[in-house]
ModelCIF file with pLDDT and N, C-alpha, C, O atoms, coordinates in Angstrom:
data_MODEL
#
_entry.id   MODEL 
#
_entity.id                         1 
_entity.type                       polymer 
_entity.pdbx_number_of_molecules   1 
#
_entity_poly.entity_id                      1 
_entity_poly.type                           'polypeptide(L)' 
_entity_poly.nstd_linkage                   no 
_entity_poly.nstd_monomer                   no 
_entity_poly.pdbx_seq_one_letter_code       NYAASVKGRFTVSRDSAKNTLELQMNQLKPEDTAVYYCMSIVDGKPY 
_entity_poly.pdbx_seq_one_letter_code_can   NYAASVKGRFTVSRDSAKNTLELQMNQLKPEDTAVYYCMSIVDGKPY 
_entity_poly.pdbx_strand_id                 A 
#
loop_
_entity_poly_seq.entity_id 
_entity_poly_seq.num 
_entity_poly_seq.mon_id 
_entity_poly_seq.hetero 
1 1  ASN n 
1 2  TYR n 
1 3  ALA n 
1 4  ALA n 
1 5  SER n 
1 6  VAL n 
1 7  LYS n 
1 8  GLY n 
1 9  ARG n 
1 10 PHE n 
1 11 THR n 
1 12 VAL n 
1 13 SER n 
1 14 ARG n 
1 15 ASP n 
1 16 SER n 
1 17 ALA n 
1 18 LYS n 
1 19 ASN n 
1 20 THR n 
1 21 LEU n 
1 22 GLU n 
1 23 LEU n 
1 24 GLN n 
1 25 MET n 
1 26 ASN n 
1 27 GLN n 
1 28 LEU n 
1 29 LYS n 
1 30 PRO n 
1 31 GLU n 
1 32 ASP n 
1 33 THR n 
1 34 ALA n 
1 35 VAL n 
1 36 TYR n 
1 37 TYR n 
1 38 CYS n 
1 39 MET n 
1 40 SER n 
1 41 ILE n 
1 42 VAL n 
1 43 ASP n 
1 44 GLY n 
1 45 LYS n 
1 46 PRO n 
1 47 TYR n 
#
_struct_asym.id          A 
_struct_asym.entity_id   1 
#
loop_
_ma_qa_metric.id 
_ma_qa_metric.mode 
_ma_qa_metric.name 
_ma_qa_metric.software_group_id 
_ma_qa_metric.type 
1 global pLDDT . pLDDT 
2 local  pLDDT . pLDDT 
#
_ma_qa_metric_global.metric_id      1 
_ma_qa_metric_global.metric_value   95.45 
_ma_qa_metric_global.model_id       1 
_ma_qa_metric_global.ordinal_id     1 
#
loop_
_ma_qa_metric_local.label_asym_id 
_ma_qa_metric_local.label_comp_id 
_ma_qa_metric_local.label_seq_id 
_ma_qa_metric_local.metric_id 
_ma_qa_metric_local.metric_value 
_ma_qa_metric_local.model_id 
_ma_qa_metric_local.ordinal_id 
A ASN 1  2 97.00 1 1  
A TYR 2  2 98.00 1 2  
A ALA 3  2 98.00 1 3  
A ALA 4  2 98.00 1 4  
A SER 5  2 97.00 1 5  
A VAL 6  2 98.00 1 6  
A LYS 7  2 98.00 1 7  
A GLY 8  2 98.00 1 8  
A ARG 9  2 98.00 1 9  
A PHE 10 2 98.00 1 10 
A THR 11 2 98.00 1 11 
A VAL 12 2 97.00 1 12 
A SER 13 2 95.00 1 13 
A ARG 14 2 93.00 1 14 
A ASP 15 2 91.00 1 15 
A SER 16 2 88.00 1 16 
A ALA 17 2 90.00 1 17 
A LYS 18 2 91.00 1 18 
A ASN 19 2 91.00 1 19 
A THR 20 2 94.00 1 20 
A LEU 21 2 95.00 1 21 
A GLU 22 2 97.00 1 22 
A LEU 23 2 98.00 1 23 
A GLN 24 2 98.00 1 24 
A MET 25 2 98.00 1 25 
A ASN 26 2 98.00 1 26 
A GLN 27 2 98.00 1 27 
A LEU 28 2 98.00 1 28 
A LYS 29 2 98.00 1 29 
A PRO 30 2 97.00 1 30 
A GLU 31 2 97.00 1 31 
A ASP 32 2 98.00 1 32 
A THR 33 2 98.00 1 33 
A ALA 34 2 98.00 1 34 
A VAL 35 2 98.00 1 35 
A TYR 36 2 98.00 1 36 
A TYR 37 2 97.00 1 37 
A CYS 38 2 96.00 1 38 
A MET 39 2 95.00 1 39 
A SER 40 2 94.00 1 40 
A ILE 41 2 91.00 1 41 
A VAL 42 2 89.00 1 42 
A ASP 43 2 89.00 1 43 
A GLY 44 2 90.00 1 44 
A LYS 45 2 92.00 1 45 
A PRO 46 2 92.00 1 46 
A TYR 47 2 93.00 1 47 
#
loop_
_atom_site.group_PDB 
_atom_site.id 
_atom_site.type_symbol 
_atom_site.label_atom_id 
_atom_site.label_alt_id 
_atom_site.label_comp_id 
_atom_site.label_asym_id 
_atom_site.label_entity_id 
_atom_site.label_seq_id 
_atom_site.pdbx_PDB_ins_code 
_atom_site.Cartn_x 
_atom_site.Cartn_y 
_atom_site.Cartn_z 
_atom_site.occupancy 
_atom_site.B_iso_or_equiv 
_atom_site.pdbx_formal_charge 
_atom_site.auth_seq_id 
_atom_site.auth_comp_id 
_atom_site.auth_asym_id 
_atom_site.auth_atom_id 
_atom_site.pdbx_PDB_model_num 
ATOM 1   N N  . ASN A 1 1  ? 29.485 -13.894 -93.612  1.00 97.00 ? 1  ASN A N  1 
ATOM 2   C CA . ASN A 1 1  ? 28.892 -14.213 -92.613  1.00 97.00 ? 1  ASN A CA 1 
ATOM 3   C C  . ASN A 1 1  ? 29.546 -13.520 -91.370  1.00 97.00 ? 1  ASN A C  1 
ATOM 4   O O  . ASN A 1 1  ? 30.746 -13.247 -91.356  1.00 97.00 ? 1  ASN A O  1 
ATOM 5   N N  . TYR A 1 2  ? 28.747 -13.264 -90.385  1.00 98.00 ? 2  TYR A N  1 
ATOM 6   C CA . TYR A 1 2  ? 29.341 -12.460 -89.094  1.00 98.00 ? 2  TYR A CA 1 
ATOM 7   C C  . TYR A 1 2  ? 28.970 -12.946 -87.778  1.00 98.00 ? 2  TYR A C  1 
ATOM 8   O O  . TYR A 1 2  ? 27.900 -13.493 -87.511  1.00 98.00 ? 2  TYR A O  1 
ATOM 9   N N  . ALA A 1 3  ? 29.900 -12.717 -86.991  1.00 98.00 ? 3  ALA A N  1 
ATOM 10  C CA . ALA A 1 3  ? 29.662 -13.075 -85.509  1.00 98.00 ? 3  ALA A CA 1 
ATOM 11  C C  . ALA A 1 3  ? 28.434 -12.005 -85.282  1.00 98.00 ? 3  ALA A C  1 
ATOM 12  O O  . ALA A 1 3  ? 28.302 -10.888 -85.782  1.00 98.00 ? 3  ALA A O  1 
ATOM 13  N N  . ALA A 1 4  ? 27.592 -12.700 -84.380  1.00 98.00 ? 4  ALA A N  1 
ATOM 14  C CA . ALA A 1 4  ? 26.237 -11.846 -83.830  1.00 98.00 ? 4  ALA A CA 1 
ATOM 15  C C  . ALA A 1 4  ? 26.742 -10.602 -83.261  1.00 98.00 ? 4  ALA A C  1 
ATOM 16  O O  . ALA A 1 4  ? 25.981 -9.639  -83.361  1.00 98.00 ? 4  ALA A O  1 
ATOM 17  N N  . SER A 1 5  ? 27.798 -10.427 -82.718  1.00 97.00 ? 5  SER A N  1 
ATOM 18  C CA . SER A 1 5  ? 28.178 -9.183  -81.891  1.00 97.00 ? 5  SER A CA 1 
ATOM 19  C C  . SER A 1 5  ? 28.584 -8.277  -82.775  1.00 97.00 ? 5  SER A C  1 
ATOM 20  O O  . SER A 1 5  ? 28.718 -7.137  -82.332  1.00 97.00 ? 5  SER A O  1 
ATOM 21  N N  . VAL A 1 6  ? 28.865 -8.492  -84.121  1.00 98.00 ? 6  VAL A N  1 
ATOM 22  C CA . VAL A 1 6  ? 29.294 -7.553  -85.018  1.00 98.00 ? 6  VAL A CA 1 
ATOM 23  C C  . VAL A 1 6  ? 28.327 -7.069  -86.250  1.00 98.00 ? 6  VAL A C  1 
ATOM 24  O O  . VAL A 1 6  ? 28.459 -6.149  -87.056  1.00 98.00 ? 6  VAL A O  1 
ATOM 25  N N  . LYS A 1 7  ? 27.285 -8.072  -86.073  1.00 98.00 ? 7  LYS A N  1 
ATOM 26  C CA . LYS A 1 7  ? 26.591 -8.094  -87.440  1.00 98.00 ? 7  LYS A CA 1 
ATOM 27  C C  . LYS A 1 7  ? 25.731 -6.732  -87.538  1.00 98.00 ? 7  LYS A C  1 
ATOM 28  O O  . LYS A 1 7  ? 25.117 -6.291  -86.566  1.00 98.00 ? 7  LYS A O  1 
ATOM 29  N N  . GLY A 1 8  ? 25.742 -6.235  -88.545  1.00 98.00 ? 8  GLY A N  1 
ATOM 30  C CA . GLY A 1 8  ? 25.108 -4.813  -88.933  1.00 98.00 ? 8  GLY A CA 1 
ATOM 31  C C  . GLY A 1 8  ? 26.108 -3.815  -88.527  1.00 98.00 ? 8  GLY A C  1 
ATOM 32  O O  . GLY A 1 8  ? 25.882 -2.649  -88.851  1.00 98.00 ? 8  GLY A O  1 
ATOM 33  N N  . ARG A 1 9  ? 27.097 -4.068  -87.918  1.00 98.00 ? 9  ARG A N  1 
ATOM 34  C CA . ARG A 1 9  ? 28.042 -2.831  -87.699  1.00 98.00 ? 9  ARG A CA 1 
ATOM 35  C C  . ARG A 1 9  ? 29.523 -3.098  -88.572  1.00 98.00 ? 9  ARG A C  1 
ATOM 36  O O  . ARG A 1 9  ? 30.140 -2.113  -88.977  1.00 98.00 ? 9  ARG A O  1 
ATOM 37  N N  . PHE A 1 10 ? 29.973 -4.298  -88.795  1.00 98.00 ? 10 PHE A N  1 
ATOM 38  C CA . PHE A 1 10 ? 31.242 -4.723  -89.691  1.00 98.00 ? 10 PHE A CA 1 
ATOM 39  C C  . PHE A 1 10 ? 30.762 -5.068  -91.060  1.00 98.00 ? 10 PHE A C  1 
ATOM 40  O O  . PHE A 1 10 ? 29.680 -5.619  -91.265  1.00 98.00 ? 10 PHE A O  1 
ATOM 41  N N  . THR A 1 11 ? 31.598 -4.728  -91.979  1.00 98.00 ? 11 THR A N  1 
ATOM 42  C CA . THR A 1 11 ? 31.277 -5.410  -93.412  1.00 98.00 ? 11 THR A CA 1 
ATOM 43  C C  . THR A 1 11 ? 32.617 -6.079  -93.835  1.00 98.00 ? 11 THR A C  1 
ATOM 44  O O  . THR A 1 11 ? 33.621 -5.390  -93.656  1.00 98.00 ? 11 THR A O  1 
ATOM 45  N N  . VAL A 1 12 ? 32.742 -7.004  -94.233  1.00 97.00 ? 12 VAL A N  1 
ATOM 46  C CA . VAL A 1 12 ? 33.914 -7.750  -94.896  1.00 97.00 ? 12 VAL A CA 1 
ATOM 47  C C  . VAL A 1 12 ? 33.719 -7.719  -96.428  1.00 97.00 ? 12 VAL A C  1 
ATOM 48  O O  . VAL A 1 12 ? 32.645 -8.007  -96.957  1.00 97.00 ? 12 VAL A O  1 
ATOM 49  N N  . SER A 1 13 ? 34.842 -7.345  -97.117  1.00 95.00 ? 13 SER A N  1 
ATOM 50  C CA . SER A 1 13 ? 34.871 -7.356  -98.607  1.00 95.00 ? 13 SER A CA 1 
ATOM 51  C C  . SER A 1 13 ? 36.122 -7.740  -99.131  1.00 95.00 ? 13 SER A C  1 
ATOM 52  O O  . SER A 1 13 ? 37.140 -7.617  -98.449  1.00 95.00 ? 13 SER A O  1 
ATOM 53  N N  . ARG A 1 14 ? 36.148 -8.239  -100.397 1.00 93.00 ? 14 ARG A N  1 
ATOM 54  C CA . ARG A 1 14 ? 37.534 -8.331  -101.250 1.00 93.00 ? 14 ARG A CA 1 
ATOM 55  C C  . ARG A 1 14 ? 37.706 -7.249  -102.035 1.00 93.00 ? 14 ARG A C  1 
ATOM 56  O O  . ARG A 1 14 ? 36.681 -6.749  -102.499 1.00 93.00 ? 14 ARG A O  1 
ATOM 57  N N  . ASP A 1 15 ? 38.870 -6.704  -102.331 1.00 91.00 ? 15 ASP A N  1 
ATOM 58  C CA . ASP A 1 15 ? 39.310 -5.648  -102.975 1.00 91.00 ? 15 ASP A CA 1 
ATOM 59  C C  . ASP A 1 15 ? 40.311 -6.201  -104.084 1.00 91.00 ? 15 ASP A C  1 
ATOM 60  O O  . ASP A 1 15 ? 41.519 -6.220  -103.844 1.00 91.00 ? 15 ASP A O  1 
ATOM 61  N N  . SER A 1 16 ? 39.757 -6.689  -105.408 1.00 88.00 ? 16 SER A N  1 
ATOM 62  C CA . SER A 1 16 ? 40.377 -7.259  -106.319 1.00 88.00 ? 16 SER A CA 1 
ATOM 63  C C  . SER A 1 16 ? 41.513 -6.423  -106.951 1.00 88.00 ? 16 SER A C  1 
ATOM 64  O O  . SER A 1 16 ? 42.558 -6.925  -107.366 1.00 88.00 ? 16 SER A O  1 
ATOM 65  N N  . ALA A 1 17 ? 41.248 -5.240  -106.983 1.00 90.00 ? 17 ALA A N  1 
ATOM 66  C CA . ALA A 1 17 ? 42.070 -4.017  -107.413 1.00 90.00 ? 17 ALA A CA 1 
ATOM 67  C C  . ALA A 1 17 ? 43.334 -4.078  -106.647 1.00 90.00 ? 17 ALA A C  1 
ATOM 68  O O  . ALA A 1 17 ? 44.432 -4.186  -107.192 1.00 90.00 ? 17 ALA A O  1 
ATOM 69  N N  . LYS A 1 18 ? 43.131 -3.999  -105.215 1.00 91.00 ? 18 LYS A N  1 
ATOM 70  C CA . LYS A 1 18 ? 44.204 -3.845  -104.384 1.00 91.00 ? 18 LYS A CA 1 
ATOM 71  C C  . LYS A 1 18 ? 44.899 -5.374  -103.872 1.00 91.00 ? 18 LYS A C  1 
ATOM 72  O O  . LYS A 1 18 ? 46.025 -5.545  -103.404 1.00 91.00 ? 18 LYS A O  1 
ATOM 73  N N  . ASN A 1 19 ? 44.168 -6.077  -104.048 1.00 91.00 ? 19 ASN A N  1 
ATOM 74  C CA . ASN A 1 19 ? 44.559 -7.682  -103.606 1.00 91.00 ? 19 ASN A CA 1 
ATOM 75  C C  . ASN A 1 19 ? 44.372 -7.850  -102.113 1.00 91.00 ? 19 ASN A C  1 
ATOM 76  O O  . ASN A 1 19 ? 45.170 -8.460  -101.401 1.00 91.00 ? 19 ASN A O  1 
ATOM 77  N N  . THR A 1 20 ? 43.212 -7.240  -101.671 1.00 94.00 ? 20 THR A N  1 
ATOM 78  C CA . THR A 1 20 ? 43.248 -7.347  -100.218 1.00 94.00 ? 20 THR A CA 1 
ATOM 79  C C  . THR A 1 20 ? 41.865 -7.733  -99.736  1.00 94.00 ? 20 THR A C  1 
ATOM 80  O O  . THR A 1 20 ? 40.831 -7.659  -100.401 1.00 94.00 ? 20 THR A O  1 
ATOM 81  N N  . LEU A 1 21 ? 41.989 -8.149  -98.506  1.00 95.00 ? 21 LEU A N  1 
ATOM 82  C CA . LEU A 1 21 ? 40.470 -8.490  -97.829  1.00 95.00 ? 21 LEU A CA 1 
ATOM 83  C C  . LEU A 1 21 ? 40.327 -7.134  -96.602  1.00 95.00 ? 21 LEU A C  1 
ATOM 84  O O  . LEU A 1 21 ? 41.191 -6.880  -95.762  1.00 95.00 ? 21 LEU A O  1 
ATOM 85  N N  . GLU A 1 22 ? 39.089 -6.435  -96.765  1.00 97.00 ? 22 GLU A N  1 
ATOM 86  C CA . GLU A 1 22 ? 38.906 -5.622  -96.057  1.00 97.00 ? 22 GLU A CA 1 
ATOM 87  C C  . GLU A 1 22 ? 37.824 -5.841  -95.002  1.00 97.00 ? 22 GLU A C  1 
ATOM 88  O O  . GLU A 1 22 ? 36.890 -6.631  -95.149  1.00 97.00 ? 22 GLU A O  1 
ATOM 89  N N  . LEU A 1 23 ? 38.039 -5.024  -93.852  1.00 98.00 ? 23 LEU A N  1 
ATOM 90  C CA . LEU A 1 23 ? 36.933 -5.099  -92.645  1.00 98.00 ? 23 LEU A CA 1 
ATOM 91  C C  . LEU A 1 23 ? 36.655 -3.847  -92.352  1.00 98.00 ? 23 LEU A C  1 
ATOM 92  O O  . LEU A 1 23 ? 37.442 -3.201  -91.660  1.00 98.00 ? 23 LEU A O  1 
ATOM 93  N N  . GLN A 1 24 ? 35.435 -3.270  -92.853  1.00 98.00 ? 24 GLN A N  1 
ATOM 94  C CA . GLN A 1 24 ? 35.158 -1.986  -92.345  1.00 98.00 ? 24 GLN A CA 1 
ATOM 95  C C  . GLN A 1 24 ? 34.342 -2.147  -90.917  1.00 98.00 ? 24 GLN A C  1 
ATOM 96  O O  . GLN A 1 24 ? 33.472 -3.004  -90.764  1.00 98.00 ? 24 GLN A O  1 
ATOM 97  N N  . MET A 1 25 ? 34.689 -1.324  -90.016  1.00 98.00 ? 25 MET A N  1 
ATOM 98  C CA . MET A 1 25 ? 34.005 -1.539  -88.749  1.00 98.00 ? 25 MET A CA 1 
ATOM 99  C C  . MET A 1 25 ? 33.517 -0.059  -88.113  1.00 98.00 ? 25 MET A C  1 
ATOM 100 O O  . MET A 1 25 ? 34.237 0.882   -87.775  1.00 98.00 ? 25 MET A O  1 
ATOM 101 N N  . ASN A 1 26 ? 32.116 -0.165  -88.065  1.00 98.00 ? 26 ASN A N  1 
ATOM 102 C CA . ASN A 1 26 ? 31.402 0.955   -87.720  1.00 98.00 ? 26 ASN A CA 1 
ATOM 103 C C  . ASN A 1 26 ? 30.907 0.815   -86.205  1.00 98.00 ? 26 ASN A C  1 
ATOM 104 O O  . ASN A 1 26 ? 31.108 -0.170  -85.495  1.00 98.00 ? 26 ASN A O  1 
ATOM 105 N N  . GLN A 1 27 ? 30.248 1.939   -85.852  1.00 98.00 ? 27 GLN A N  1 
ATOM 106 C CA . GLN A 1 27 ? 29.952 2.053   -84.421  1.00 98.00 ? 27 GLN A CA 1 
ATOM 107 C C  . GLN A 1 27 ? 30.504 1.186   -83.302  1.00 98.00 ? 27 GLN A C  1 
ATOM 108 O O  . GLN A 1 27 ? 29.847 0.483   -82.534  1.00 98.00 ? 27 GLN A O  1 
ATOM 109 N N  . LEU A 1 28 ? 31.784 1.347   -83.336  1.00 98.00 ? 28 LEU A N  1 
ATOM 110 C CA . LEU A 1 28 ? 32.798 0.549   -82.573  1.00 98.00 ? 28 LEU A CA 1 
ATOM 111 C C  . LEU A 1 28 ? 32.375 0.749   -81.021  1.00 98.00 ? 28 LEU A C  1 
ATOM 112 O O  . LEU A 1 28 ? 31.912 1.759   -80.490  1.00 98.00 ? 28 LEU A O  1 
ATOM 113 N N  . LYS A 1 29 ? 32.674 -0.521  -80.447  1.00 98.00 ? 29 LYS A N  1 
ATOM 114 C CA . LYS A 1 29 ? 32.406 -0.505  -79.045  1.00 98.00 ? 29 LYS A CA 1 
ATOM 115 C C  . LYS A 1 29 ? 33.507 -0.914  -78.283  1.00 98.00 ? 29 LYS A C  1 
ATOM 116 O O  . LYS A 1 29 ? 34.292 -1.691  -78.826  1.00 98.00 ? 29 LYS A O  1 
ATOM 117 N N  . PRO A 1 30 ? 33.765 -0.484  -76.931  1.00 97.00 ? 30 PRO A N  1 
ATOM 118 C CA . PRO A 1 30 ? 35.058 -0.969  -76.106  1.00 97.00 ? 30 PRO A CA 1 
ATOM 119 C C  . PRO A 1 30 ? 35.101 -2.348  -76.208  1.00 97.00 ? 30 PRO A C  1 
ATOM 120 O O  . PRO A 1 30 ? 36.227 -2.841  -76.271  1.00 97.00 ? 30 PRO A O  1 
ATOM 121 N N  . GLU A 1 31 ? 33.968 -3.229  -76.246  1.00 97.00 ? 31 GLU A N  1 
ATOM 122 C CA . GLU A 1 31 ? 34.178 -4.819  -76.103  1.00 97.00 ? 31 GLU A CA 1 
ATOM 123 C C  . GLU A 1 31 ? 34.869 -5.119  -77.603  1.00 97.00 ? 31 GLU A C  1 
ATOM 124 O O  . GLU A 1 31 ? 35.375 -6.238  -77.685  1.00 97.00 ? 31 GLU A O  1 
ATOM 125 N N  . ASP A 1 32 ? 34.953 -4.359  -78.684  1.00 98.00 ? 32 ASP A N  1 
ATOM 126 C CA . ASP A 1 32 ? 35.639 -4.563  -80.020  1.00 98.00 ? 32 ASP A CA 1 
ATOM 127 C C  . ASP A 1 32 ? 37.107 -4.449  -79.847  1.00 98.00 ? 32 ASP A C  1 
ATOM 128 O O  . ASP A 1 32 ? 37.922 -4.690  -80.738  1.00 98.00 ? 32 ASP A O  1 
ATOM 129 N N  . THR A 1 33 ? 37.406 -4.046  -78.581  1.00 98.00 ? 33 THR A N  1 
ATOM 130 C CA . THR A 1 33 ? 39.041 -3.928  -78.523  1.00 98.00 ? 33 THR A CA 1 
ATOM 131 C C  . THR A 1 33 ? 39.479 -5.358  -78.445  1.00 98.00 ? 33 THR A C  1 
ATOM 132 O O  . THR A 1 33 ? 38.888 -6.269  -77.866  1.00 98.00 ? 33 THR A O  1 
ATOM 133 N N  . ALA A 1 34 ? 40.653 -5.422  -79.143  1.00 98.00 ? 34 ALA A N  1 
ATOM 134 C CA . ALA A 1 34 ? 41.240 -6.796  -79.632  1.00 98.00 ? 34 ALA A CA 1 
ATOM 135 C C  . ALA A 1 34 ? 42.386 -6.795  -80.579  1.00 98.00 ? 34 ALA A C  1 
ATOM 136 O O  . ALA A 1 34 ? 42.621 -5.734  -81.158  1.00 98.00 ? 34 ALA A O  1 
ATOM 137 N N  . VAL A 1 35 ? 43.098 -7.782  -80.809  1.00 98.00 ? 35 VAL A N  1 
ATOM 138 C CA . VAL A 1 35 ? 44.059 -7.949  -81.834  1.00 98.00 ? 35 VAL A CA 1 
ATOM 139 C C  . VAL A 1 35 ? 43.082 -8.693  -82.986  1.00 98.00 ? 35 VAL A C  1 
ATOM 140 O O  . VAL A 1 35 ? 42.356 -9.674  -82.822  1.00 98.00 ? 35 VAL A O  1 
ATOM 141 N N  . TYR A 1 36 ? 43.270 -8.022  -84.023  1.00 98.00 ? 36 TYR A N  1 
ATOM 142 C CA . TYR A 1 36 ? 42.439 -8.774  -85.145  1.00 98.00 ? 36 TYR A CA 1 
ATOM 143 C C  . TYR A 1 36 ? 43.354 -9.397  -86.299  1.00 98.00 ? 36 TYR A C  1 
ATOM 144 O O  . TYR A 1 36 ? 44.157 -8.755  -86.976  1.00 98.00 ? 36 TYR A O  1 
ATOM 145 N N  . TYR A 1 37 ? 43.103 -10.692 -86.395  1.00 97.00 ? 37 TYR A N  1 
ATOM 146 C CA . TYR A 1 37 ? 43.827 -11.473 -87.417  1.00 97.00 ? 37 TYR A CA 1 
ATOM 147 C C  . TYR A 1 37 ? 43.154 -11.795 -88.749  1.00 97.00 ? 37 TYR A C  1 
ATOM 148 O O  . TYR A 1 37 ? 42.082 -12.400 -88.754  1.00 97.00 ? 37 TYR A O  1 
ATOM 149 N N  . CYS A 1 38 ? 43.730 -11.424 -89.837  1.00 96.00 ? 38 CYS A N  1 
ATOM 150 C CA . CYS A 1 38 ? 43.147 -12.078 -91.153  1.00 96.00 ? 38 CYS A CA 1 
ATOM 151 C C  . CYS A 1 38 ? 43.476 -13.665 -91.299  1.00 96.00 ? 38 CYS A C  1 
ATOM 152 O O  . CYS A 1 38 ? 44.425 -14.247 -90.773  1.00 96.00 ? 38 CYS A O  1 
ATOM 153 N N  . MET A 1 39 ? 42.612 -14.152 -92.019  1.00 95.00 ? 39 MET A N  1 
ATOM 154 C CA . MET A 1 39 ? 42.735 -15.674 -92.117  1.00 95.00 ? 39 MET A CA 1 
ATOM 155 C C  . MET A 1 39 ? 42.345 -15.975 -93.856  1.00 95.00 ? 39 MET A C  1 
ATOM 156 O O  . MET A 1 39 ? 41.554 -15.342 -94.554  1.00 95.00 ? 39 MET A O  1 
ATOM 157 N N  . SER A 1 40 ? 43.085 -17.001 -94.185  1.00 94.00 ? 40 SER A N  1 
ATOM 158 C CA . SER A 1 40 ? 42.804 -17.356 -95.578  1.00 94.00 ? 40 SER A CA 1 
ATOM 159 C C  . SER A 1 40 ? 42.853 -18.766 -95.734  1.00 94.00 ? 40 SER A C  1 
ATOM 160 O O  . SER A 1 40 ? 43.680 -19.352 -95.035  1.00 94.00 ? 40 SER A O  1 
ATOM 161 N N  . ILE A 1 41 ? 42.056 -19.518 -96.598  1.00 91.00 ? 41 ILE A N  1 
ATOM 162 C CA . ILE A 1 41 ? 42.190 -20.800 -96.800  1.00 91.00 ? 41 ILE A CA 1 
ATOM 163 C C  . ILE A 1 41 ? 42.697 -21.138 -98.320  1.00 91.00 ? 41 ILE A C  1 
ATOM 164 O O  . ILE A 1 41 ? 41.959 -20.801 -99.247  1.00 91.00 ? 41 ILE A O  1 
ATOM 165 N N  . VAL A 1 42 ? 43.821 -21.733 -98.575  1.00 89.00 ? 42 VAL A N  1 
ATOM 166 C CA . VAL A 1 42 ? 44.256 -21.855 -99.974  1.00 89.00 ? 42 VAL A CA 1 
ATOM 167 C C  . VAL A 1 42 ? 44.542 -23.396 -100.073 1.00 89.00 ? 42 VAL A C  1 
ATOM 168 O O  . VAL A 1 42 ? 45.201 -24.046 -99.262  1.00 89.00 ? 42 VAL A O  1 
ATOM 169 N N  . ASP A 1 43 ? 44.041 -23.781 -101.005 1.00 89.00 ? 43 ASP A N  1 
ATOM 170 C CA . ASP A 1 43 ? 43.877 -25.281 -101.181 1.00 89.00 ? 43 ASP A CA 1 
ATOM 171 C C  . ASP A 1 43 ? 43.651 -26.132 -100.132 1.00 89.00 ? 43 ASP A C  1 
ATOM 172 O O  . ASP A 1 43 ? 44.305 -27.157 -99.936  1.00 89.00 ? 43 ASP A O  1 
ATOM 173 N N  . GLY A 1 44 ? 42.755 -25.746 -99.459  1.00 90.00 ? 44 GLY A N  1 
ATOM 174 C CA . GLY A 1 44 ? 42.404 -26.451 -98.247  1.00 90.00 ? 44 GLY A CA 1 
ATOM 175 C C  . GLY A 1 44 ? 43.201 -26.245 -96.785  1.00 90.00 ? 44 GLY A C  1 
ATOM 176 O O  . GLY A 1 44 ? 42.851 -26.810 -95.749  1.00 90.00 ? 44 GLY A O  1 
ATOM 177 N N  . LYS A 1 45 ? 44.171 -25.465 -96.883  1.00 92.00 ? 45 LYS A N  1 
ATOM 178 C CA . LYS A 1 45 ? 44.927 -25.117 -95.826  1.00 92.00 ? 45 LYS A CA 1 
ATOM 179 C C  . LYS A 1 45 ? 44.808 -23.639 -95.332  1.00 92.00 ? 45 LYS A C  1 
ATOM 180 O O  . LYS A 1 45 ? 44.864 -22.636 -96.043  1.00 92.00 ? 45 LYS A O  1 
ATOM 181 N N  . PRO A 1 46 ? 44.632 -23.697 -93.964  1.00 92.00 ? 46 PRO A N  1 
ATOM 182 C CA . PRO A 1 46 ? 44.480 -22.354 -93.288  1.00 92.00 ? 46 PRO A CA 1 
ATOM 183 C C  . PRO A 1 46 ? 45.643 -21.575 -93.186  1.00 92.00 ? 46 PRO A C  1 
ATOM 184 O O  . PRO A 1 46 ? 46.647 -22.221 -92.888  1.00 92.00 ? 46 PRO A O  1 
ATOM 185 N N  . TYR A 1 47 ? 45.811 -20.212 -93.370  1.00 93.00 ? 47 TYR A N  1 
ATOM 186 C CA . TYR A 1 47 ? 46.978 -19.380 -92.999  1.00 93.00 ? 47 TYR A CA 1 
ATOM 187 C C  . TYR A 1 47 ? 46.506 -18.278 -92.357  1.00 93.00 ? 47 TYR A C  1 
ATOM 188 O O  . TYR A 1 47 ? 47.289 -17.422 -91.944  1.00 93.00 ? 47 TYR A O  1 
#
């Protein structure tokens, strides 16, 4: 699921071979400027 502001431009995916979460960001806009953080929930706890 995506925020409305990025839907159609961003794609999130899991790469099991690299053990990573990816975020492909296309058609970037100045309003996309930010610090980006990854998050995970394991055993019900957020990290």
